[in-house]
């Protein structure tokens, strides 16, 4: 898929505007918030290649959208599509999600209230 600069700008703006609001709202409800946060830090890192940023921003934009394929309010299923999109994207760009991104994610989530021991060490 070719790079779409306008779409990347829209996704970037939406994610920067809404990621932390969504993270606070779903805190404790989604088991992949640590991965989403690491992806956020990778996507906002100036050292990350533009195509990787665009992919991650698109996946994160999907995560923060209030309505998507499976609405988030559906118990047990609401975040499965978000997780699928996010994990597929991270697996495609896994070499770019570095330890420094995961470290920043861990620190941010601890500040939000996660106990450090509740965060898993990611295999991705």
N, C-alpha and C. Protein backbone atom coordinates (compact mmCIF):
# COMPACT_ATOMS: atom_id res chain seq x y z
N UNK A 1 0.84 -1.17 0.00
CA UNK A 1 0.00 0.00 0.00
C UNK A 1 0.89 1.24 0.00
N UNK A 2 0.64 2.19 -0.88
CA UNK A 2 1.49 3.38 -0.95
C UNK A 2 1.25 4.30 0.26
N UNK A 3 2.29 5.04 0.57
CA UNK A 3 2.23 6.00 1.67
C UNK A 3 1.27 7.13 1.29
N UNK A 4 0.38 7.48 2.20
CA UNK A 4 -0.59 8.55 1.99
C UNK A 4 -0.32 9.63 3.04
N UNK A 5 0.33 10.71 2.64
CA UNK A 5 0.75 11.76 3.57
C UNK A 5 -0.45 12.42 4.26
N UNK A 6 -1.51 12.66 3.53
CA UNK A 6 -2.68 13.31 4.13
C UNK A 6 -3.32 12.41 5.20
N UNK A 7 -3.42 11.13 4.89
CA UNK A 7 -3.97 10.19 5.88
C UNK A 7 -3.07 10.11 7.11
N UNK A 8 -1.77 10.07 6.88
CA UNK A 8 -0.84 10.02 8.00
C UNK A 8 -1.01 11.25 8.89
N UNK A 9 -1.15 12.43 8.29
CA UNK A 9 -1.35 13.65 9.09
C UNK A 9 -2.64 13.57 9.91
N UNK A 10 -3.72 13.07 9.29
CA UNK A 10 -4.99 12.93 10.01
C UNK A 10 -4.87 11.92 11.16
N UNK A 11 -4.27 10.76 10.87
CA UNK A 11 -4.09 9.75 11.91
C UNK A 11 -3.21 10.27 13.04
N UNK A 12 -2.12 10.93 12.68
CA UNK A 12 -1.20 11.48 13.67
C UNK A 12 -1.92 12.47 14.59
N UNK A 13 -2.67 13.38 14.00
CA UNK A 13 -3.40 14.37 14.79
C UNK A 13 -4.43 13.71 15.71
N UNK A 14 -5.17 12.73 15.18
CA UNK A 14 -6.17 12.04 15.99
C UNK A 14 -5.54 11.27 17.14
N UNK A 15 -4.44 10.60 16.87
CA UNK A 15 -3.77 9.81 17.91
C UNK A 15 -3.18 10.72 18.97
N UNK A 16 -2.48 11.76 18.56
CA UNK A 16 -1.90 12.68 19.55
C UNK A 16 -2.98 13.35 20.39
N UNK A 17 -4.13 13.62 19.80
CA UNK A 17 -5.23 14.27 20.50
C UNK A 17 -5.97 13.28 21.41
N UNK A 18 -6.11 12.02 20.99
CA UNK A 18 -7.00 11.12 21.72
C UNK A 18 -6.40 9.91 22.40
N UNK A 19 -5.09 9.64 22.21
CA UNK A 19 -4.54 8.40 22.75
C UNK A 19 -4.64 8.33 24.28
N UNK A 20 -4.21 9.37 24.97
CA UNK A 20 -4.17 9.30 26.44
C UNK A 20 -5.57 9.30 27.03
N UNK A 21 -6.52 9.96 26.38
CA UNK A 21 -7.90 9.92 26.84
C UNK A 21 -8.43 8.50 26.74
N UNK A 22 -8.18 7.85 25.61
CA UNK A 22 -8.62 6.46 25.42
C UNK A 22 -7.90 5.54 26.41
N UNK A 23 -6.60 5.75 26.59
CA UNK A 23 -5.84 4.91 27.52
C UNK A 23 -6.42 4.99 28.93
N UNK A 24 -6.76 6.19 29.37
CA UNK A 24 -7.35 6.33 30.71
C UNK A 24 -8.73 5.65 30.78
N UNK A 25 -9.51 5.78 29.70
CA UNK A 25 -10.85 5.22 29.69
C UNK A 25 -10.85 3.69 29.70
N UNK A 26 -9.88 3.08 29.03
CA UNK A 26 -9.85 1.61 28.94
C UNK A 26 -8.87 0.99 29.94
N UNK A 27 -8.26 1.83 30.76
CA UNK A 27 -7.29 1.38 31.76
C UNK A 27 -7.87 0.23 32.56
N UNK A 28 -7.18 -0.89 32.58
CA UNK A 28 -7.63 -2.07 33.32
C UNK A 28 -8.64 -2.93 32.57
N UNK A 29 -9.09 -2.48 31.39
CA UNK A 29 -10.09 -3.24 30.63
C UNK A 29 -9.49 -3.96 29.44
N UNK A 30 -8.33 -3.52 28.97
CA UNK A 30 -7.71 -4.16 27.81
C UNK A 30 -6.34 -4.70 28.20
N UNK A 31 -6.05 -5.94 27.86
CA UNK A 31 -4.78 -6.54 28.25
C UNK A 31 -3.60 -6.11 27.38
N UNK A 32 -3.85 -5.30 26.37
CA UNK A 32 -2.78 -4.92 25.45
C UNK A 32 -2.43 -3.44 25.52
N UNK A 33 -2.82 -2.77 26.60
CA UNK A 33 -2.54 -1.34 26.70
C UNK A 33 -1.05 -1.05 26.73
N UNK A 34 -0.26 -1.98 27.28
CA UNK A 34 1.19 -1.79 27.29
C UNK A 34 1.74 -1.82 25.86
N UNK A 35 1.22 -2.69 25.00
CA UNK A 35 1.67 -2.75 23.62
C UNK A 35 1.23 -1.51 22.85
N UNK A 36 0.00 -1.07 23.09
CA UNK A 36 -0.50 0.13 22.43
C UNK A 36 0.34 1.34 22.82
N UNK A 37 0.72 1.41 24.08
CA UNK A 37 1.52 2.55 24.55
C UNK A 37 2.93 2.50 23.98
N UNK A 38 3.52 1.32 23.91
CA UNK A 38 4.84 1.19 23.28
C UNK A 38 4.76 1.59 21.81
N UNK A 39 3.68 1.19 21.13
CA UNK A 39 3.49 1.57 19.73
C UNK A 39 3.35 3.08 19.60
N UNK A 40 2.66 3.70 20.55
CA UNK A 40 2.51 5.16 20.56
C UNK A 40 3.88 5.83 20.64
N UNK A 41 4.71 5.38 21.58
CA UNK A 41 6.03 5.99 21.73
C UNK A 41 6.91 5.73 20.51
N UNK A 42 6.78 4.58 19.90
CA UNK A 42 7.54 4.31 18.67
C UNK A 42 7.06 5.23 17.56
N UNK A 43 5.75 5.39 17.42
CA UNK A 43 5.19 6.21 16.35
C UNK A 43 5.51 7.69 16.51
N UNK A 44 5.77 8.12 17.73
CA UNK A 44 6.08 9.54 17.97
C UNK A 44 7.58 9.80 18.12
N UNK A 45 8.37 8.77 17.95
CA UNK A 45 9.83 8.88 18.04
C UNK A 45 10.38 9.44 16.73
N UNK A 46 11.12 10.55 16.78
CA UNK A 46 11.69 11.11 15.54
C UNK A 46 12.60 10.14 14.79
N UNK A 47 13.19 9.17 15.49
CA UNK A 47 14.10 8.22 14.86
C UNK A 47 13.38 7.10 14.11
N UNK A 48 12.08 6.96 14.30
CA UNK A 48 11.31 5.91 13.64
C UNK A 48 11.08 6.29 12.18
N UNK A 49 11.32 5.37 11.24
CA UNK A 49 11.08 5.66 9.82
C UNK A 49 9.62 6.06 9.55
N UNK A 50 9.44 6.92 8.59
CA UNK A 50 8.13 7.48 8.27
C UNK A 50 7.09 6.41 7.96
N UNK A 51 7.44 5.40 7.18
CA UNK A 51 6.47 4.35 6.83
C UNK A 51 6.04 3.58 8.07
N UNK A 52 6.95 3.35 9.00
CA UNK A 52 6.62 2.65 10.24
C UNK A 52 5.69 3.53 11.07
N UNK A 53 6.01 4.82 11.16
CA UNK A 53 5.14 5.74 11.89
C UNK A 53 3.73 5.73 11.31
N UNK A 54 3.64 5.78 9.97
CA UNK A 54 2.34 5.81 9.32
C UNK A 54 1.52 4.55 9.65
N UNK A 55 2.16 3.38 9.60
CA UNK A 55 1.46 2.13 9.94
C UNK A 55 0.99 2.13 11.39
N UNK A 56 1.88 2.52 12.29
CA UNK A 56 1.52 2.53 13.71
C UNK A 56 0.43 3.55 14.00
N UNK A 57 0.53 4.72 13.39
CA UNK A 57 -0.50 5.75 13.62
C UNK A 57 -1.85 5.27 13.10
N UNK A 58 -1.87 4.58 11.98
CA UNK A 58 -3.14 4.05 11.45
C UNK A 58 -3.73 3.03 12.43
N UNK A 59 -2.91 2.14 12.95
CA UNK A 59 -3.40 1.14 13.91
C UNK A 59 -3.87 1.80 15.20
N UNK A 60 -3.12 2.78 15.68
CA UNK A 60 -3.51 3.48 16.90
C UNK A 60 -4.77 4.32 16.69
N UNK A 61 -4.92 4.90 15.51
CA UNK A 61 -6.14 5.66 15.20
C UNK A 61 -7.35 4.73 15.24
N UNK A 62 -7.19 3.52 14.72
CA UNK A 62 -8.27 2.53 14.78
C UNK A 62 -8.62 2.21 16.24
N UNK A 63 -7.59 2.09 17.08
CA UNK A 63 -7.79 1.80 18.50
C UNK A 63 -8.57 2.91 19.19
N UNK A 64 -8.30 4.16 18.86
CA UNK A 64 -8.96 5.24 19.59
C UNK A 64 -10.32 5.63 19.01
N UNK A 65 -10.64 5.14 17.81
CA UNK A 65 -11.95 5.46 17.22
C UNK A 65 -13.07 4.98 18.14
N UNK A 66 -14.09 5.81 18.33
CA UNK A 66 -15.19 5.39 19.19
C UNK A 66 -16.06 4.30 18.56
N UNK A 67 -16.08 4.25 17.23
CA UNK A 67 -16.86 3.19 16.58
C UNK A 67 -15.96 2.52 15.54
N UNK A 68 -15.99 1.22 15.56
CA UNK A 68 -15.20 0.46 14.61
C UNK A 68 -15.95 -0.83 14.30
N UNK A 69 -15.28 -1.80 13.73
CA UNK A 69 -15.94 -3.04 13.30
C UNK A 69 -16.74 -3.70 14.44
N UNK A 70 -16.12 -3.80 15.61
CA UNK A 70 -16.80 -4.35 16.79
C UNK A 70 -16.77 -3.25 17.84
N UNK A 71 -17.90 -2.62 18.15
CA UNK A 71 -17.91 -1.52 19.12
C UNK A 71 -17.30 -1.95 20.46
N UNK A 72 -16.51 -1.04 21.06
CA UNK A 72 -15.77 -1.35 22.27
C UNK A 72 -16.67 -1.73 23.46
N UNK A 73 -17.91 -1.28 23.46
CA UNK A 73 -18.78 -1.54 24.60
C UNK A 73 -19.31 -2.97 24.65
N UNK A 74 -19.11 -3.76 23.61
CA UNK A 74 -19.60 -5.15 23.60
C UNK A 74 -18.67 -5.99 24.48
N UNK A 75 -19.22 -6.45 25.59
CA UNK A 75 -18.43 -7.19 26.58
C UNK A 75 -17.81 -8.44 25.95
N UNK A 76 -16.52 -8.61 26.20
CA UNK A 76 -15.81 -9.80 25.75
C UNK A 76 -15.31 -9.75 24.32
N UNK A 77 -15.92 -8.93 23.48
CA UNK A 77 -15.52 -8.87 22.08
C UNK A 77 -15.07 -7.49 21.63
N UNK A 78 -15.46 -6.47 22.36
CA UNK A 78 -15.29 -5.10 21.91
C UNK A 78 -13.89 -4.68 21.51
N UNK A 79 -12.89 -5.25 22.13
CA UNK A 79 -11.51 -4.84 21.81
C UNK A 79 -10.76 -5.88 20.99
N UNK A 80 -11.43 -6.95 20.57
CA UNK A 80 -10.72 -7.98 19.81
C UNK A 80 -10.24 -7.47 18.46
N UNK A 81 -11.06 -6.66 17.80
CA UNK A 81 -10.63 -6.12 16.51
C UNK A 81 -9.50 -5.12 16.69
N UNK A 82 -9.56 -4.30 17.76
CA UNK A 82 -8.49 -3.35 18.04
C UNK A 82 -7.17 -4.10 18.29
N UNK A 83 -7.26 -5.16 19.10
CA UNK A 83 -6.07 -5.94 19.41
C UNK A 83 -5.49 -6.59 18.15
N UNK A 84 -6.37 -7.11 17.31
CA UNK A 84 -5.91 -7.76 16.07
C UNK A 84 -5.18 -6.77 15.17
N UNK A 85 -5.76 -5.60 14.97
CA UNK A 85 -5.13 -4.59 14.12
C UNK A 85 -3.79 -4.16 14.73
N UNK A 86 -3.79 -3.90 16.03
CA UNK A 86 -2.56 -3.44 16.68
C UNK A 86 -1.46 -4.50 16.65
N UNK A 87 -1.78 -5.74 17.03
CA UNK A 87 -0.75 -6.77 17.07
C UNK A 87 -0.25 -7.15 15.67
N UNK A 88 -1.13 -7.12 14.70
CA UNK A 88 -0.68 -7.38 13.33
C UNK A 88 0.29 -6.31 12.87
N UNK A 89 -0.05 -5.06 13.15
CA UNK A 89 0.83 -3.95 12.77
C UNK A 89 2.16 -4.03 13.50
N UNK A 90 2.12 -4.26 14.80
CA UNK A 90 3.36 -4.35 15.58
C UNK A 90 4.22 -5.50 15.07
N UNK A 91 3.59 -6.62 14.71
CA UNK A 91 4.39 -7.74 14.21
C UNK A 91 5.07 -7.38 12.89
N UNK A 92 4.43 -6.55 12.08
CA UNK A 92 5.03 -6.12 10.81
C UNK A 92 6.22 -5.18 11.02
N UNK A 93 6.21 -4.43 12.10
CA UNK A 93 7.26 -3.42 12.33
C UNK A 93 8.01 -3.70 13.63
N UNK A 94 7.98 -4.93 14.10
CA UNK A 94 8.51 -5.26 15.43
C UNK A 94 9.96 -4.84 15.65
N UNK A 95 10.75 -4.83 14.62
CA UNK A 95 12.15 -4.42 14.77
C UNK A 95 12.31 -2.96 15.10
N UNK A 96 11.25 -2.19 14.93
CA UNK A 96 11.32 -0.75 15.19
C UNK A 96 10.77 -0.38 16.56
N UNK A 97 10.01 -1.27 17.19
CA UNK A 97 9.51 -1.01 18.54
C UNK A 97 10.62 -1.46 19.49
N UNK A 98 11.36 -0.49 19.97
CA UNK A 98 12.60 -0.75 20.73
C UNK A 98 12.34 -0.82 22.23
N UNK A 99 13.36 -1.25 22.93
CA UNK A 99 13.31 -1.29 24.38
C UNK A 99 13.03 0.06 24.99
N UNK A 100 13.54 1.12 24.39
CA UNK A 100 13.29 2.47 24.93
C UNK A 100 11.81 2.84 24.84
N UNK A 101 11.13 2.36 23.80
CA UNK A 101 9.69 2.63 23.68
C UNK A 101 8.92 1.85 24.74
N UNK A 102 9.31 0.61 24.94
CA UNK A 102 8.65 -0.21 25.97
C UNK A 102 8.91 0.34 27.37
N UNK A 103 10.12 0.85 27.60
CA UNK A 103 10.46 1.43 28.89
C UNK A 103 9.60 2.68 29.16
N UNK A 104 9.49 3.55 28.16
CA UNK A 104 8.65 4.75 28.31
C UNK A 104 7.19 4.35 28.53
N UNK A 105 6.73 3.32 27.83
CA UNK A 105 5.35 2.86 28.00
C UNK A 105 5.13 2.36 29.42
N UNK A 106 6.06 1.57 29.91
CA UNK A 106 5.96 1.04 31.28
C UNK A 106 5.87 2.18 32.29
N UNK A 107 6.75 3.16 32.15
CA UNK A 107 6.75 4.30 33.07
C UNK A 107 5.43 5.07 33.00
N UNK A 108 4.91 5.29 31.80
CA UNK A 108 3.66 6.02 31.63
C UNK A 108 2.49 5.26 32.26
N UNK A 109 2.45 3.95 32.06
CA UNK A 109 1.35 3.17 32.61
C UNK A 109 1.44 3.06 34.13
N UNK A 110 2.63 3.02 34.66
CA UNK A 110 2.78 3.03 36.11
C UNK A 110 2.25 4.36 36.66
N UNK A 111 2.54 5.47 35.97
CA UNK A 111 2.02 6.78 36.39
C UNK A 111 0.49 6.79 36.34
N UNK A 112 -0.11 6.07 35.39
CA UNK A 112 -1.57 6.00 35.30
C UNK A 112 -2.17 5.12 36.39
N UNK A 113 -1.36 4.28 37.00
CA UNK A 113 -1.86 3.46 38.10
C UNK A 113 -1.62 1.98 37.99
N UNK A 114 -1.09 1.50 36.88
CA UNK A 114 -0.73 0.09 36.80
C UNK A 114 0.39 -0.19 37.79
N UNK A 115 0.30 -1.34 38.44
CA UNK A 115 1.43 -1.78 39.25
C UNK A 115 2.46 -2.32 38.29
N UNK A 116 3.72 -2.01 38.51
CA UNK A 116 4.77 -2.43 37.60
C UNK A 116 4.75 -3.94 37.36
N UNK A 117 4.41 -4.71 38.37
CA UNK A 117 4.37 -6.16 38.24
C UNK A 117 3.23 -6.66 37.38
N UNK A 118 2.21 -5.81 37.15
CA UNK A 118 1.08 -6.21 36.32
C UNK A 118 1.40 -6.14 34.83
N UNK A 119 2.49 -5.47 34.48
CA UNK A 119 2.86 -5.32 33.08
C UNK A 119 3.72 -6.49 32.67
N UNK A 120 3.35 -7.08 31.56
CA UNK A 120 4.10 -8.26 31.09
C UNK A 120 5.34 -7.82 30.30
N UNK A 121 6.30 -8.70 30.28
CA UNK A 121 7.44 -8.50 29.38
C UNK A 121 6.98 -9.00 28.03
N UNK A 122 7.03 -8.16 27.05
CA UNK A 122 6.52 -8.51 25.73
C UNK A 122 7.50 -9.37 24.96
N UNK A 123 6.93 -10.30 24.22
CA UNK A 123 7.75 -11.15 23.35
C UNK A 123 7.93 -10.52 21.97
N UNK A 124 7.15 -9.46 21.67
CA UNK A 124 7.24 -8.84 20.35
C UNK A 124 8.46 -7.98 20.22
